[in-house]
Amino acid sequence: MGMLRTDARRRGWRGRVSDLLFVDEDTVSAVLLPDGWHDVEIGTFSFVSLAFTDGDLLVEGFAFERLADPAGVVVAAPTAALLALVTVQYAAV
């Protein structure tokens, strides 16, 4: 962890490990899951609670639509499966 912090500071990062990073769910364009990167249909990513049909198990997770899938196909998984995400920033008009 010390090397990561040192390397990040060398590249100009001035934050602390404990700083918060706010993610606008509407700007997520890709996610890294254990099986690789997935392109996300912009505006479909969200953090959700996953409940299974018996209703006994509720887990925090996320869901999104992939660009490669037909409209309406949703990918959902527990939050622990989310390894990284990419967001797009839109310039002010």
PDB file of N, CA and C in Angstrom:
ATOM      1  N   MET A   1       0.825  -1.193   0.000  1.00  0.00           N
ATOM      2  CA  MET A   1       0.000   0.000   0.000  1.00  0.00           C
ATOM      3  C   MET A   1       0.860   1.244   0.000  1.00  0.00           C
ATOM      4  N   GLY A   2       1.969   1.230   0.692  1.00  0.00           N
ATOM      5  CA  GLY A   2       2.857   2.372   0.708  1.00  0.00           C
ATOM      6  C   GLY A   2       3.383   2.719  -0.678  1.00  0.00           C
ATOM      7  N   MET A   3       3.707   1.676  -1.485  1.00  0.00           N
ATOM      8  CA  MET A   3       4.211   1.926  -2.835  1.00  0.00           C
ATOM      9  C   MET A   3       3.141   2.573  -3.702  1.00  0.00           C
ATOM     10  N   LEU A   4       1.918   2.122  -3.577  1.00  0.00           N
ATOM     11  CA  LEU A   4       0.824   2.697  -4.354  1.00  0.00           C
ATOM     12  C   LEU A   4       0.673   4.171  -4.012  1.00  0.00           C
ATOM     13  N   ARG A   5       0.688   4.481  -2.725  1.00  0.00           N
ATOM     14  CA  ARG A   5       0.533   5.869  -2.301  1.00  0.00           C
ATOM     15  C   ARG A   5       1.700   6.715  -2.816  1.00  0.00           C
ATOM     16  N   THR A   6       2.928   6.216  -2.707  1.00  0.00           N
ATOM     17  CA  THR A   6       4.104   6.965  -3.165  1.00  0.00           C
ATOM     18  C   THR A   6       4.039   7.190  -4.663  1.00  0.00           C
ATOM     19  N   ASP A   7       3.710   6.148  -5.421  1.00  0.00           N
ATOM     20  CA  ASP A   7       3.631   6.264  -6.869  1.00  0.00           C
ATOM     21  C   ASP A   7       2.534   7.249  -7.274  1.00  0.00           C
ATOM     22  N   ALA A   8       1.411   7.198  -6.618  1.00  0.00           N
ATOM     23  CA  ALA A   8       0.310   8.105  -6.932  1.00  0.00           C
ATOM     24  C   ALA A   8       0.705   9.545  -6.637  1.00  0.00           C
ATOM     25  N   ARG A   9       1.389   9.785  -5.549  1.00  0.00           N
ATOM     26  CA  ARG A   9       1.819  11.149  -5.216  1.00  0.00           C
ATOM     27  C   ARG A   9       2.851  11.652  -6.235  1.00  0.00           C
ATOM     28  N   ARG A  10       3.716  10.759  -6.706  1.00  0.00           N
ATOM     29  CA  ARG A  10       4.713  11.151  -7.695  1.00  0.00           C
ATOM     30  C   ARG A  10       4.032  11.635  -8.971  1.00  0.00           C
ATOM     31  N   ARG A  11       2.888  11.055  -9.298  1.00  0.00           N
ATOM     32  CA  ARG A  11       2.153  11.446 -10.496  1.00  0.00           C
ATOM     33  C   ARG A  11       1.222  12.623 -10.244  1.00  0.00           C
ATOM     34  N   GLY A  12       1.268  13.223  -9.064  1.00  0.00           N
ATOM     35  CA  GLY A  12       0.512  14.439  -8.822  1.00  0.00           C
ATOM     36  C   GLY A  12      -0.747  14.267  -7.996  1.00  0.00           C
ATOM     37  N   TRP A  13      -1.056  13.066  -7.554  1.00  0.00           N
ATOM     38  CA  TRP A  13      -2.251  12.848  -6.734  1.00  0.00           C
ATOM     39  C   TRP A  13      -2.014  13.411  -5.353  1.00  0.00           C
ATOM     40  N   ARG A  14      -2.897  14.237  -4.862  1.00  0.00           N
ATOM     41  CA  ARG A  14      -2.713  14.889  -3.571  1.00  0.00           C
ATOM     42  C   ARG A  14      -3.700  14.410  -2.509  1.00  0.00           C
ATOM     43  N   GLY A  15      -4.529  13.459  -2.839  1.00  0.00           N
ATOM     44  CA  GLY A  15      -5.543  13.000  -1.898  1.00  0.00           C
ATOM     45  C   GLY A  15      -4.980  12.061  -0.845  1.00  0.00           C
ATOM     46  N   ARG A  16      -5.849  11.596  -0.007  1.00  0.00           N
ATOM     47  CA  ARG A  16      -5.501  10.604   1.007  1.00  0.00           C
ATOM     48  C   ARG A  16      -6.302   9.345   0.710  1.00  0.00           C
ATOM     49  N   VAL A  17      -5.807   8.225   1.172  1.00  0.00           N
ATOM     50  CA  VAL A  17      -6.495   6.962   0.948  1.00  0.00           C
ATOM     51  C   VAL A  17      -7.914   7.014   1.510  1.00  0.00           C
ATOM     52  N   SER A  18      -8.112   7.778   2.575  1.00  0.00           N
ATOM     53  CA  SER A  18      -9.428   7.833   3.207  1.00  0.00           C
ATOM     54  C   SER A  18     -10.379   8.822   2.525  1.00  0.00           C
ATOM     55  N   ASP A  19      -9.912   9.565   1.498  1.00  0.00           N
ATOM     56  CA  ASP A  19     -10.791  10.505   0.799  1.00  0.00           C
ATOM     57  C   ASP A  19     -11.933   9.759   0.122  1.00  0.00           C
ATOM     58  N   LEU A  20     -13.069  10.428   0.026  1.00  0.00           N
ATOM     59  CA  LEU A  20     -14.216   9.846  -0.666  1.00  0.00           C
ATOM     60  C   LEU A  20     -14.143  10.154  -2.146  1.00  0.00           C
ATOM     61  N   LEU A  21     -14.579   9.217  -2.961  1.00  0.00           N
ATOM     62  CA  LEU A  21     -14.688   9.423  -4.394  1.00  0.00           C
ATOM     63  C   LEU A  21     -16.148   9.219  -4.750  1.00  0.00           C
ATOM     64  N   PHE A  22     -16.797  10.274  -5.203  1.00  0.00           N
ATOM     65  CA  PHE A  22     -18.205  10.178  -5.545  1.00  0.00           C
ATOM     66  C   PHE A  22     -18.348   9.731  -6.986  1.00  0.00           C
ATOM     67  N   VAL A  23     -19.117   8.678  -7.205  1.00  0.00           N
ATOM     68  CA  VAL A  23     -19.331   8.140  -8.545  1.00  0.00           C
ATOM     69  C   VAL A  23     -20.756   8.450  -8.970  1.00  0.00           C
ATOM     70  N   ASP A  24     -20.891   9.145 -10.078  1.00  0.00           N
ATOM     71  CA  ASP A  24     -22.206   9.396 -10.654  1.00  0.00           C
ATOM     72  C   ASP A  24     -22.588   8.155 -11.457  1.00  0.00           C
ATOM     73  N   GLU A  25     -23.558   7.409 -10.985  1.00  0.00           N
ATOM     74  CA  GLU A  25     -23.943   6.152 -11.629  1.00  0.00           C
ATOM     75  C   GLU A  25     -24.298   6.347 -13.102  1.00  0.00           C
ATOM     76  N   ASP A  26     -24.818   7.514 -13.455  1.00  0.00           N
ATOM     77  CA  ASP A  26     -25.225   7.778 -14.836  1.00  0.00           C
ATOM     78  C   ASP A  26     -24.051   7.923 -15.789  1.00  0.00           C
ATOM     79  N   THR A  27     -22.818   8.017 -15.266  1.00  0.00           N
ATOM     80  CA  THR A  27     -21.652   8.200 -16.129  1.00  0.00           C
ATOM     81  C   THR A  27     -20.776   6.962 -16.231  1.00  0.00           C
ATOM     82  N   VAL A  28     -21.188   5.832 -15.644  1.00  0.00           N
ATOM     83  CA  VAL A  28     -20.382   4.605 -15.715  1.00  0.00           C
ATOM     84  C   VAL A  28     -20.463   4.046 -17.132  1.00  0.00           C
ATOM     85  N   SER A  29     -19.285   3.887 -17.769  1.00  0.00           N
ATOM     86  CA  SER A  29     -19.241   3.402 -19.153  1.00  0.00           C
ATOM     87  C   SER A  29     -18.662   1.995 -19.281  1.00  0.00           C
ATOM     88  N   ALA A  30     -17.969   1.511 -18.243  1.00  0.00           N
ATOM     89  CA  ALA A  30     -17.402   0.158 -18.270  1.00  0.00           C
ATOM     90  C   ALA A  30     -17.158  -0.314 -16.847  1.00  0.00           C
ATOM     91  N   VAL A  31     -17.240  -1.627 -16.660  1.00  0.00           N
ATOM     92  CA  VAL A  31     -16.953  -2.224 -15.355  1.00  0.00           C
ATOM     93  C   VAL A  31     -16.023  -3.414 -15.545  1.00  0.00           C
ATOM     94  N   LEU A  32     -15.150  -3.615 -14.566  1.00  0.00           N
ATOM     95  CA  LEU A  32     -14.273  -4.777 -14.569  1.00  0.00           C
ATOM     96  C   LEU A  32     -14.834  -5.793 -13.585  1.00  0.00           C
ATOM     97  N   LEU A  33     -15.196  -6.949 -14.113  1.00  0.00           N
ATOM     98  CA  LEU A  33     -15.693  -8.066 -13.309  1.00  0.00           C
ATOM     99  C   LEU A  33     -14.647  -9.182 -13.377  1.00  0.00           C
ATOM    100  N   PRO A  34     -14.769 -10.215 -12.562  1.00  0.00           N
ATOM    101  CA  PRO A  34     -13.763 -11.287 -12.582  1.00  0.00           C
ATOM    102  C   PRO A  34     -13.530 -11.911 -13.966  1.00  0.00           C
ATOM    103  N   ASP A  35     -14.518 -11.841 -14.863  1.00  0.00           N
ATOM    104  CA  ASP A  35     -14.338 -12.426 -16.196  1.00  0.00           C
ATOM    105  C   ASP A  35     -13.868 -11.417 -17.241  1.00  0.00           C
ATOM    106  N   GLY A  36     -13.588 -10.175 -16.836  1.00  0.00           N
ATOM    107  CA  GLY A  36     -13.063  -9.185 -17.772  1.00  0.00           C
ATOM    108  C   GLY A  36     -13.886  -7.904 -17.788  1.00  0.00           C
ATOM    109  N   TRP A  37     -13.552  -7.020 -18.739  1.00  0.00           N
ATOM    110  CA  TRP A  37     -14.230  -5.736 -18.871  1.00  0.00           C
ATOM    111  C   TRP A  37     -15.537  -5.885 -19.616  1.00  0.00           C
ATOM    112  N   HIS A  38     -16.537  -5.100 -19.198  1.00  0.00           N
ATOM    113  CA  HIS A  38     -17.844  -5.077 -19.857  1.00  0.00           C
ATOM    114  C   HIS A  38     -18.210  -3.617 -20.149  1.00  0.00           C
ATOM    115  N   ASP A  39     -18.577  -3.332 -21.406  1.00  0.00           N
ATOM    116  CA  ASP A  39     -19.032  -1.992 -21.759  1.00  0.00           C
ATOM    117  C   ASP A  39     -20.473  -1.824 -21.297  1.00  0.00           C
ATOM    118  N   VAL A  40     -20.737  -0.708 -20.623  1.00  0.00           N
ATOM    119  CA  VAL A  40     -22.042  -0.440 -20.022  1.00  0.00           C
ATOM    120  C   VAL A  40     -22.813   0.566 -20.868  1.00  0.00           C
ATOM    121  N   GLU A  41     -24.079   0.297 -21.083  1.00  0.00           N
ATOM    122  CA  GLU A  41     -24.960   1.277 -21.714  1.00  0.00           C
ATOM    123  C   GLU A  41     -25.075   2.452 -20.740  1.00  0.00           C
ATOM    124  N   ILE A  42     -24.613   3.627 -21.169  1.00  0.00           N
ATOM    125  CA  ILE A  42     -24.593   4.801 -20.292  1.00  0.00           C
ATOM    126  C   ILE A  42     -25.989   5.045 -19.709  1.00  0.00           C
ATOM    127  N   GLY A  43     -26.029   5.296 -18.405  1.00  0.00           N
ATOM    128  CA  GLY A  43     -27.286   5.592 -17.728  1.00  0.00           C
ATOM    129  C   GLY A  43     -27.999   4.383 -17.149  1.00  0.00           C
ATOM    130  N   THR A  44     -27.445   3.170 -17.361  1.00  0.00           N
ATOM    131  CA  THR A  44     -28.128   1.973 -16.843  1.00  0.00           C
ATOM    132  C   THR A  44     -27.480   1.389 -15.596  1.00  0.00           C
ATOM    133  N   PHE A  45     -26.270   1.815 -15.246  1.00  0.00           N
ATOM    134  CA  PHE A  45     -25.590   1.263 -14.072  1.00  0.00           C
ATOM    135  C   PHE A  45     -26.222   1.817 -12.798  1.00  0.00           C
ATOM    136  N   SER A  46     -26.438   0.941 -11.823  1.00  0.00           N
ATOM    137  CA  SER A  46     -26.914   1.410 -10.521  1.00  0.00           C
ATOM    138  C   SER A  46     -26.566   0.394  -9.439  1.00  0.00           C
ATOM    139  N   PHE A  47     -26.366   0.912  -8.243  1.00  0.00           N
ATOM    140  CA  PHE A  47     -26.193   0.040  -7.083  1.00  0.00           C
ATOM    141  C   PHE A  47     -27.584  -0.350  -6.604  1.00  0.00           C
ATOM    142  N   VAL A  48     -27.777  -1.632  -6.320  1.00  0.00           N
ATOM    143  CA  VAL A  48     -29.104  -2.160  -5.989  1.00  0.00           C
ATOM    144  C   VAL A  48     -28.986  -3.170  -4.854  1.00  0.00           C
ATOM    145  N   SER A  49     -30.110  -3.542  -4.304  1.00  0.00           N
ATOM    146  CA  SER A  49     -30.175  -4.679  -3.388  1.00  0.00           C
ATOM    147  C   SER A  49     -30.702  -5.857  -4.191  1.00  0.00           C
ATOM    148  N   LEU A  50     -29.987  -6.964  -4.139  1.00  0.00           N
ATOM    149  CA  LEU A  50     -30.393  -8.156  -4.879  1.00  0.00           C
ATOM    150  C   LEU A  50     -31.157  -9.087  -3.950  1.00  0.00           C
ATOM    151  N   ALA A  51     -32.348  -9.456  -4.351  1.00  0.00           N
ATOM    152  CA  ALA A  51     -33.150 -10.405  -3.579  1.00  0.00           C
ATOM    153  C   ALA A  51     -33.434 -11.605  -4.467  1.00  0.00           C
ATOM    154  N   PHE A  52     -33.314 -12.767  -3.910  1.00  0.00           N
ATOM    155  CA  PHE A  52     -33.572 -13.976  -4.682  1.00  0.00           C
ATOM    156  C   PHE A  52     -35.020 -14.409  -4.482  1.00  0.00           C
ATOM    157  N   THR A  53     -35.508 -15.313  -5.314  1.00  0.00           N
ATOM    158  CA  THR A  53     -36.939 -15.623  -5.366  1.00  0.00           C
ATOM    159  C   THR A  53     -37.544 -16.033  -4.035  1.00  0.00           C
ATOM    160  N   ASP A  54     -36.779 -16.675  -3.165  1.00  0.00           N
ATOM    161  CA  ASP A  54     -37.356 -17.065  -1.876  1.00  0.00           C
ATOM    162  C   ASP A  54     -37.442 -15.884  -0.910  1.00  0.00           C
ATOM    163  N   GLY A  55     -36.751 -14.777  -1.246  1.00  0.00           N
ATOM    164  CA  GLY A  55     -36.836 -13.566  -0.437  1.00  0.00           C
ATOM    165  C   GLY A  55     -36.047 -13.592   0.851  1.00  0.00           C
ATOM    166  N   ASP A  56     -35.394 -14.721   1.144  1.00  0.00           N
ATOM    167  CA  ASP A  56     -34.645 -14.822   2.402  1.00  0.00           C
ATOM    168  C   ASP A  56     -33.273 -14.168   2.348  1.00  0.00           C
ATOM    169  N   LEU A  57     -32.693 -14.050   1.163  1.00  0.00           N
ATOM    170  CA  LEU A  57     -31.337 -13.539   1.045  1.00  0.00           C
ATOM    171  C   LEU A  57     -31.359 -12.210   0.307  1.00  0.00           C
ATOM    172  N   LEU A  58     -30.843 -11.195   0.955  1.00  0.00           N
ATOM    173  CA  LEU A  58     -30.757  -9.867   0.361  1.00  0.00           C
ATOM    174  C   LEU A  58     -29.291  -9.453   0.394  1.00  0.00           C
ATOM    175  N   VAL A  59     -28.736  -9.129  -0.780  1.00  0.00           N
ATOM    176  CA  VAL A  59     -27.330  -8.756  -0.877  1.00  0.00           C
ATOM    177  C   VAL A  59     -27.203  -7.419  -1.592  1.00  0.00           C
ATOM    178  N   GLU A  60     -26.225  -6.629  -1.150  1.00  0.00           N
ATOM    179  CA  GLU A  60     -25.949  -5.378  -1.860  1.00  0.00           C
ATOM    180  C   GLU A  60     -25.230  -5.722  -3.152  1.00  0.00           C
ATOM    181  N   GLY A  61     -25.643  -5.092  -4.231  1.00  0.00           N
ATOM    182  CA  GLY A  61     -25.048  -5.403  -5.517  1.00  0.00           C
ATOM    183  C   GLY A  61     -25.154  -4.248  -6.489  1.00  0.00           C
ATOM    184  N   PHE A  62     -25.039  -4.583  -7.749  1.00  0.00           N
ATOM    185  CA  PHE A  62     -25.142  -3.591  -8.810  1.00  0.00           C
ATOM    186  C   PHE A  62     -25.774  -4.258 -10.021  1.00  0.00           C
ATOM    187  N   ALA A  63     -26.265  -3.444 -10.939  1.00  0.00           N
ATOM    188  CA  ALA A  63     -26.880  -3.958 -12.157  1.00  0.00           C
ATOM    189  C   ALA A  63     -26.622  -2.969 -13.285  1.00  0.00           C
ATOM    190  N   PHE A  64     -26.591  -3.487 -14.518  1.00  0.00           N
ATOM    191  CA  PHE A  64     -26.402  -2.629 -15.685  1.00  0.00           C
ATOM    192  C   PHE A  64     -26.792  -3.395 -16.945  1.00  0.00           C
ATOM    193  N   GLU A  65     -26.958  -2.660 -18.033  1.00  0.00           N
ATOM    194  CA  GLU A  65     -27.175  -3.255 -19.352  1.00  0.00           C
ATOM    195  C   GLU A  65     -25.875  -3.126 -20.130  1.00  0.00           C
ATOM    196  N   ARG A  66     -25.442  -4.232 -20.760  1.00  0.00           N
ATOM    197  CA  ARG A  66     -24.226  -4.206 -21.583  1.00  0.00           C
ATOM    198  C   ARG A  66     -24.550  -3.686 -22.970  1.00  0.00           C
ATOM    199  N   LEU A  67     -23.595  -2.990 -23.565  1.00  0.00           N
ATOM    200  CA  LEU A  67     -23.775  -2.501 -24.934  1.00  0.00           C
ATOM    201  C   LEU A  67     -23.979  -3.646 -25.916  1.00  0.00           C
ATOM    202  N   ALA A  68     -23.307  -4.772 -25.686  1.00  0.00           N
ATOM    203  CA  ALA A  68     -23.339  -5.894 -26.633  1.00  0.00           C
ATOM    204  C   ALA A  68     -24.639  -6.694 -26.592  1.00  0.00           C
ATOM    205  N   ASP A  69     -25.464  -6.521 -25.576  1.00  0.00           N
ATOM    206  CA  ASP A  69     -26.682  -7.319 -25.422  1.00  0.00           C
ATOM    207  C   ASP A  69     -27.900  -6.588 -25.987  1.00  0.00           C
ATOM    208  N   PRO A  70     -28.936  -7.334 -26.351  1.00  0.00           N
ATOM    209  CA  PRO A  70     -30.185  -6.680 -26.759  1.00  0.00           C
ATOM    210  C   PRO A  70     -30.750  -5.847 -25.602  1.00  0.00           C
ATOM    211  N   ALA A  71     -31.492  -4.813 -25.934  1.00  0.00           N
ATOM    212  CA  ALA A  71     -32.087  -3.951 -24.907  1.00  0.00           C
ATOM    213  C   ALA A  71     -32.893  -4.779 -23.921  1.00  0.00           C
ATOM    214  N   GLY A  72     -32.783  -4.439 -22.653  1.00  0.00           N
ATOM    215  CA  GLY A  72     -33.559  -5.114 -21.626  1.00  0.00           C
ATOM    216  C   GLY A  72     -32.834  -6.248 -20.933  1.00  0.00           C
ATOM    217  N   VAL A  73     -31.692  -6.709 -21.459  1.00  0.00           N
ATOM    218  CA  VAL A  73     -30.923  -7.756 -20.792  1.00  0.00           C
ATOM    219  C   VAL A  73     -30.086  -7.092 -19.705  1.00  0.00           C
ATOM    220  N   VAL A  74     -30.282  -7.517 -18.469  1.00  0.00           N
ATOM    221  CA  VAL A  74     -29.619  -6.891 -17.332  1.00  0.00           C
ATOM    222  C   VAL A  74     -28.598  -7.839 -16.720  1.00  0.00           C
ATOM    223  N   VAL A  75     -27.401  -7.323 -16.448  1.00  0.00           N
ATOM    224  CA  VAL A  75     -26.373  -8.061 -15.726  1.00  0.00           C
ATOM    225  C   VAL A  75     -26.417  -7.554 -14.287  1.00  0.00           C
ATOM    226  N   ALA A  76     -26.467  -8.461 -13.318  1.00  0.00           N
ATOM    227  CA  ALA A  76     -26.501  -8.080 -11.903  1.00  0.00           C
ATOM    228  C   ALA A  76     -25.578  -9.010 -11.132  1.00  0.00           C
ATOM    229  N   ALA A  77     -24.930  -8.459 -10.097  1.00  0.00           N
ATOM    230  CA  ALA A  77     -24.005  -9.253  -9.293  1.00  0.00           C
ATOM    231  C   ALA A  77     -23.815  -8.585  -7.941  1.00  0.00           C
ATOM    232  N   PRO A  78     -23.297  -9.331  -6.961  1.00  0.00           N
ATOM    233  CA  PRO A  78     -22.977  -8.730  -5.668  1.00  0.00           C
ATOM    234  C   PRO A  78     -21.868  -7.688  -5.819  1.00  0.00           C
ATOM    235  N   THR A  79     -21.854  -6.686  -4.976  1.00  0.00           N
ATOM    236  CA  THR A  79     -20.874  -5.611  -5.039  1.00  0.00           C
ATOM    237  C   THR A  79     -19.443  -6.147  -4.978  1.00  0.00           C
ATOM    238  N   ALA A  80     -19.219  -7.247  -4.276  1.00  0.00           N
ATOM    239  CA  ALA A  80     -17.869  -7.811  -4.157  1.00  0.00           C
ATOM    240  C   ALA A  80     -17.293  -8.224  -5.509  1.00  0.00           C
ATOM    241  N   ALA A  81     -18.126  -8.429  -6.523  1.00  0.00           N
ATOM    242  CA  ALA A  81     -17.650  -8.817  -7.846  1.00  0.00           C
ATOM    243  C   ALA A  81     -17.158  -7.626  -8.665  1.00  0.00           C
ATOM    244  N   LEU A  82     -17.410  -6.417  -8.209  1.00  0.00           N
ATOM    245  CA  LEU A  82     -17.015  -5.212  -8.935  1.00  0.00           C
ATOM    246  C   LEU A  82     -15.569  -4.862  -8.597  1.00  0.00           C
ATOM    247  N   LEU A  83     -14.669  -5.017  -9.561  1.00  0.00           N
ATOM    248  CA  LEU A  83     -13.246  -4.787  -9.326  1.00  0.00           C
ATOM    249  C   LEU A  83     -12.817  -3.368  -9.679  1.00  0.00           C
ATOM    250  N   ALA A  84     -13.450  -2.763 -10.679  1.00  0.00           N
ATOM    251  CA  ALA A  84     -13.118  -1.395 -11.096  1.00  0.00           C
ATOM    252  C   ALA A  84     -14.244  -0.888 -11.983  1.00  0.00           C
ATOM    253  N   LEU A  85     -14.291   0.427 -12.162  1.00  0.00           N
ATOM    254  CA  LEU A  85     -15.253   0.998 -13.101  1.00  0.00           C
ATOM    255  C   LEU A  85     -14.659   2.209 -13.773  1.00  0.00           C
ATOM    256  N   VAL A  86     -15.203   2.520 -14.948  1.00  0.00           N
ATOM    257  CA  VAL A  86     -14.775   3.685 -15.719  1.00  0.00           C
ATOM    258  C   VAL A  86     -15.966   4.605 -15.865  1.00  0.00           C
ATOM    259  N   THR A  87     -15.732   5.902 -15.672  1.00  0.00           N
ATOM    260  CA  THR A  87     -16.798   6.868 -15.883  1.00  0.00           C
ATOM    261  C   THR A  87     -16.401   7.825 -16.989  1.00  0.00           C
ATOM    262  N   VAL A  88     -17.391   8.409 -17.630  1.00  0.00           N
ATOM    263  CA  VAL A  88     -17.142   9.439 -18.631  1.00  0.00           C
ATOM    264  C   VAL A  88     -17.547  10.765 -18.051  1.00  0.00           C
ATOM    265  N   GLN A  89     -16.805  11.779 -18.363  1.00  0.00           N
ATOM    266  CA  GLN A  89     -17.128  13.117 -17.901  1.00  0.00           C
ATOM    267  C   GLN A  89     -17.556  13.939 -19.113  1.00  0.00           C
ATOM    268  N   TYR A  90     -18.664  14.613 -18.984  1.00  0.00           N
ATOM    269  CA  TYR A  90     -19.181  15.424 -20.075  1.00  0.00           C
ATOM    270  C   TYR A  90     -18.795  16.870 -19.842  1.00  0.00           C
ATOM    271  N   ALA A  91     -18.330  17.519 -20.906  1.00  0.00           N
ATOM    272  CA  ALA A  91     -17.969  18.929 -20.806  1.00  0.00           C
ATOM    273  C   ALA A  91     -19.235  19.763 -20.669  1.00  0.00           C
ATOM    274  N   ALA A  92     -19.151  20.816 -19.860  1.00  0.00           N
ATOM    275  CA  ALA A  92     -20.281  21.722 -19.697  1.00  0.00           C
ATOM    276  C   ALA A  92     -20.519  22.449 -21.012  1.00  0.00           C
ATOM    277  N   VAL A  93     -21.782  22.570 -21.385  1.00  0.00           N
ATOM    278  CA  VAL A  93     -22.124  23.222 -22.652  1.00  0.00           C
ATOM    279  C   VAL A  93     -22.474  24.669 -22.404  1.00  0.00           C
TER     280      VAL A  93
END
